[in-house]
Amino acid sequence: VELGEMQAEGWLHGLLGELNNPERIELLPPPQGLQGQLRHYQQRGFAWVAFLRRFGLGACLADDMGLGKSIQTIAFLLDERERLDVRAPALIVCPTSVVGNWLRELARFAPRLQVMLHRGSDRRTGASFARAAQRHDVVITSFPLLARDRATLTELEWSAVVLDEAQN
């Protein structure tokens, strides 16, 4: 792949070649555990996240409010567990006001995922937190607790970190 004067080889060559032709990014079948139907644009968003992950890159879903970024993210988390056999938990960080939304969306679209809520004055820390989190597929916390519990949260190796900026 040539970009002006630049030439790429290896994995970067493959990445740039596909980025130049995004319509070639393979759509993935919805995960079996997904309780819901992805619309066409949601299938593309889910495939986009999975594609970038293949190269060790993060993604940003910047659809308008109400267009289903949560279900695309949940499909991605399920896909990692079903197709790629990922076992480490994923961390979802969101504003305190939308923690309940995430709990409801996960229960609705992926009821088989084991979800742990990290909040409250009695929340676990240190090794106790790590043991509990590793028994779950998803851990949900808030931005204020991310800062406050940084030492606890950075001790774990997460399969994915989802930052839900929820209109901020």
Protein backbone atom coordinates (compact mmCIF):
# COMPACT_ATOMS: atom_id res chain seq x y z
CA VAL A 1 0.00 0.00 0.00
CA GLU A 2 1.35 3.41 -0.91
CA LEU A 3 0.18 6.60 0.76
CA GLY A 4 1.87 9.42 -1.03
CA GLU A 5 5.57 8.79 -0.44
CA MET A 6 4.99 6.27 2.36
CA GLN A 7 5.01 2.49 1.85
CA ALA A 8 3.84 -0.09 4.38
CA GLU A 9 4.53 -3.79 4.78
CA GLY A 10 3.29 -6.62 6.97
CA TRP A 11 0.30 -6.12 9.28
CA LEU A 12 0.29 -2.37 8.65
CA HIS A 13 0.02 -3.03 4.91
CA GLY A 14 -3.09 -5.16 5.54
CA LEU A 15 -4.62 -2.62 7.87
CA LEU A 16 -4.10 0.32 5.52
CA GLY A 17 -5.35 -1.69 2.56
CA GLU A 18 -8.61 -2.48 4.32
CA LEU A 19 -8.98 1.04 5.70
CA ASN A 20 -8.75 2.34 2.13
CA ASN A 21 -11.68 0.01 1.27
CA PRO A 22 -13.95 -0.08 4.35
CA GLU A 23 -16.73 -1.78 2.39
CA ARG A 24 -14.46 -4.86 2.30
CA ILE A 25 -14.43 -5.18 6.09
CA GLU A 26 -16.11 -8.51 6.71
CA LEU A 27 -19.49 -8.42 8.43
CA LEU A 28 -19.59 -10.93 11.25
CA PRO A 29 -22.56 -13.06 12.15
CA PRO A 30 -24.27 -11.86 15.31
CA PRO A 31 -23.08 -13.75 18.39
CA GLN A 32 -25.33 -16.64 19.41
CA GLY A 33 -25.83 -15.16 22.87
CA LEU A 34 -27.16 -11.86 21.53
CA GLN A 35 -30.84 -11.48 22.39
CA GLY A 36 -31.80 -8.95 19.78
CA GLN A 37 -31.29 -8.07 16.17
CA LEU A 38 -28.60 -5.77 14.84
CA ARG A 39 -29.67 -3.31 12.17
CA HIS A 40 -27.42 -3.11 9.10
CA TYR A 41 -25.51 -0.04 10.35
CA GLN A 42 -25.11 -1.72 13.76
CA GLN A 43 -23.67 -4.82 12.06
CA ARG A 44 -21.15 -2.54 10.33
CA GLY A 45 -20.27 -0.82 13.63
CA PHE A 46 -19.82 -4.17 15.38
CA ALA A 47 -17.65 -5.41 12.49
CA TRP A 48 -15.62 -2.17 12.58
CA VAL A 49 -14.81 -2.61 16.28
CA ALA A 50 -13.89 -6.27 15.77
CA PHE A 51 -11.77 -5.40 12.73
CA LEU A 52 -9.75 -2.77 14.59
CA ARG A 53 -9.36 -5.11 17.57
CA ARG A 54 -7.73 -7.66 15.24
CA PHE A 55 -4.90 -5.17 14.84
CA GLY A 56 -4.73 -4.32 18.54
CA LEU A 57 -6.40 -0.95 18.01
CA GLY A 58 -9.23 0.71 19.87
CA ALA A 59 -12.36 2.05 18.25
CA CYS A 60 -14.77 4.91 18.69
CA LEU A 61 -18.48 4.45 17.99
CA ALA A 62 -19.72 7.96 17.35
CA ASP A 63 -23.29 7.32 16.18
CA ASP A 64 -26.01 9.75 17.21
CA MET A 65 -27.88 9.23 20.47
CA GLY A 66 -30.36 6.38 20.35
CA LEU A 67 -28.83 4.52 17.41
CA GLY A 68 -27.66 1.52 19.39
CA LYS A 69 -24.02 1.92 20.38
CA SER A 70 -24.69 -0.21 23.47
CA ILE A 71 -25.98 -3.22 21.51
CA GLN A 72 -22.99 -2.95 19.13
CA THR A 73 -20.65 -2.97 22.12
CA ILE A 74 -22.48 -5.87 23.73
CA ALA A 75 -22.29 -7.82 20.45
CA PHE A 76 -18.55 -7.19 20.39
CA LEU A 77 -18.13 -8.40 24.00
CA LEU A 78 -20.16 -11.54 23.27
CA ASP A 79 -18.21 -12.16 20.04
CA GLU A 80 -14.91 -12.03 21.92
CA ARG A 81 -16.15 -14.69 24.33
CA GLU A 82 -17.88 -16.92 21.77
CA ARG A 83 -15.67 -16.75 18.71
CA LEU A 84 -12.29 -15.86 20.22
CA ASP A 85 -12.71 -17.61 23.60
CA VAL A 86 -11.68 -14.51 25.57
CA ARG A 87 -12.02 -15.15 29.30
CA ALA A 88 -10.72 -11.96 30.94
CA PRO A 89 -13.47 -9.57 32.05
CA ALA A 90 -14.26 -6.37 30.19
CA LEU A 91 -14.50 -3.06 32.04
CA ILE A 92 -17.26 -0.57 31.25
CA VAL A 93 -16.72 2.93 32.64
CA CYS A 94 -19.61 5.36 32.42
CA PRO A 95 -21.15 8.35 34.16
CA THR A 96 -22.89 7.36 37.39
CA SER A 97 -26.22 8.38 35.85
CA VAL A 98 -26.06 5.67 33.15
CA VAL A 99 -24.82 2.71 35.23
CA GLY A 100 -28.41 1.47 35.47
CA ASN A 101 -28.82 1.75 31.69
CA TRP A 102 -25.82 -0.53 31.15
CA LEU A 103 -27.15 -3.06 33.66
CA ARG A 104 -30.53 -3.13 31.87
CA GLU A 105 -29.00 -3.32 28.37
CA LEU A 106 -26.68 -6.18 29.34
CA ALA A 107 -29.53 -8.07 31.02
CA ARG A 108 -31.74 -7.53 27.96
CA PHE A 109 -29.30 -8.25 25.12
CA ALA A 110 -26.80 -10.63 26.78
CA PRO A 111 -28.44 -12.32 29.76
CA ARG A 112 -25.77 -15.05 29.85
CA LEU A 113 -22.98 -12.56 30.57
CA GLN A 114 -22.04 -12.42 34.23
CA VAL A 115 -22.02 -8.74 35.25
CA MET A 116 -20.42 -7.23 38.34
CA LEU A 117 -21.17 -3.73 39.56
CA HIS A 118 -18.24 -1.89 41.18
CA ARG A 119 -19.72 0.90 43.27
CA GLY A 120 -20.93 1.79 46.72
CA SER A 121 -19.11 2.20 50.02
CA ASP A 122 -18.89 -1.58 50.46
CA ARG A 123 -17.28 -2.21 47.03
CA ARG A 124 -14.38 -4.65 46.90
CA THR A 125 -10.79 -3.52 46.55
CA GLY A 126 -7.40 -5.12 46.01
CA ALA A 127 -7.15 -8.90 45.74
CA SER A 128 -10.79 -9.37 46.77
CA PHE A 129 -11.88 -7.22 43.82
CA ALA A 130 -9.57 -9.07 41.41
CA ARG A 131 -10.91 -12.49 42.45
CA ALA A 132 -14.52 -11.35 42.12
CA ALA A 133 -13.97 -9.56 38.79
CA GLN A 134 -12.31 -12.63 37.26
CA ARG A 135 -15.50 -14.62 37.93
CA HIS A 136 -17.45 -12.18 35.74
CA ASP A 137 -17.56 -11.30 32.04
CA VAL A 138 -18.19 -7.58 32.55
CA VAL A 139 -17.45 -5.13 35.36
CA ILE A 140 -19.28 -1.79 35.37
CA THR A 141 -18.00 1.24 37.23
CA SER A 142 -18.26 5.02 37.04
CA PHE A 143 -15.77 7.70 36.06
CA PRO A 144 -15.51 9.05 39.64
CA LEU A 145 -14.65 5.55 40.91
CA LEU A 146 -12.20 4.99 38.07
CA ALA A 147 -10.14 7.86 39.47
CA ARG A 148 -10.69 6.93 43.11
CA ASP A 149 -10.00 3.18 42.70
CA ARG A 150 -7.27 3.46 40.12
CA ALA A 151 -4.87 1.14 41.98
CA THR A 152 -7.50 -1.61 42.26
CA LEU A 153 -8.77 -1.30 38.69
CA THR A 154 -5.34 -1.22 37.05
CA GLU A 155 -4.25 -4.45 38.75
CA LEU A 156 -6.37 -6.51 36.38
CA GLU A 157 -5.74 -7.24 32.72
CA TRP A 158 -9.03 -6.39 31.01
CA SER A 159 -10.15 -7.98 27.74
CA ALA A 160 -11.57 -4.58 26.72
CA VAL A 161 -12.15 -1.21 28.31
CA VAL A 162 -15.31 0.58 27.20
CA LEU A 163 -15.54 4.30 27.93
CA ASP A 164 -19.10 5.55 27.63
CA GLU A 165 -18.91 9.30 27.55
CA ALA A 166 -22.73 9.59 27.46
CA GLN A 167 -23.09 13.05 25.91
CA ASN A 168 -20.14 14.63 27.75
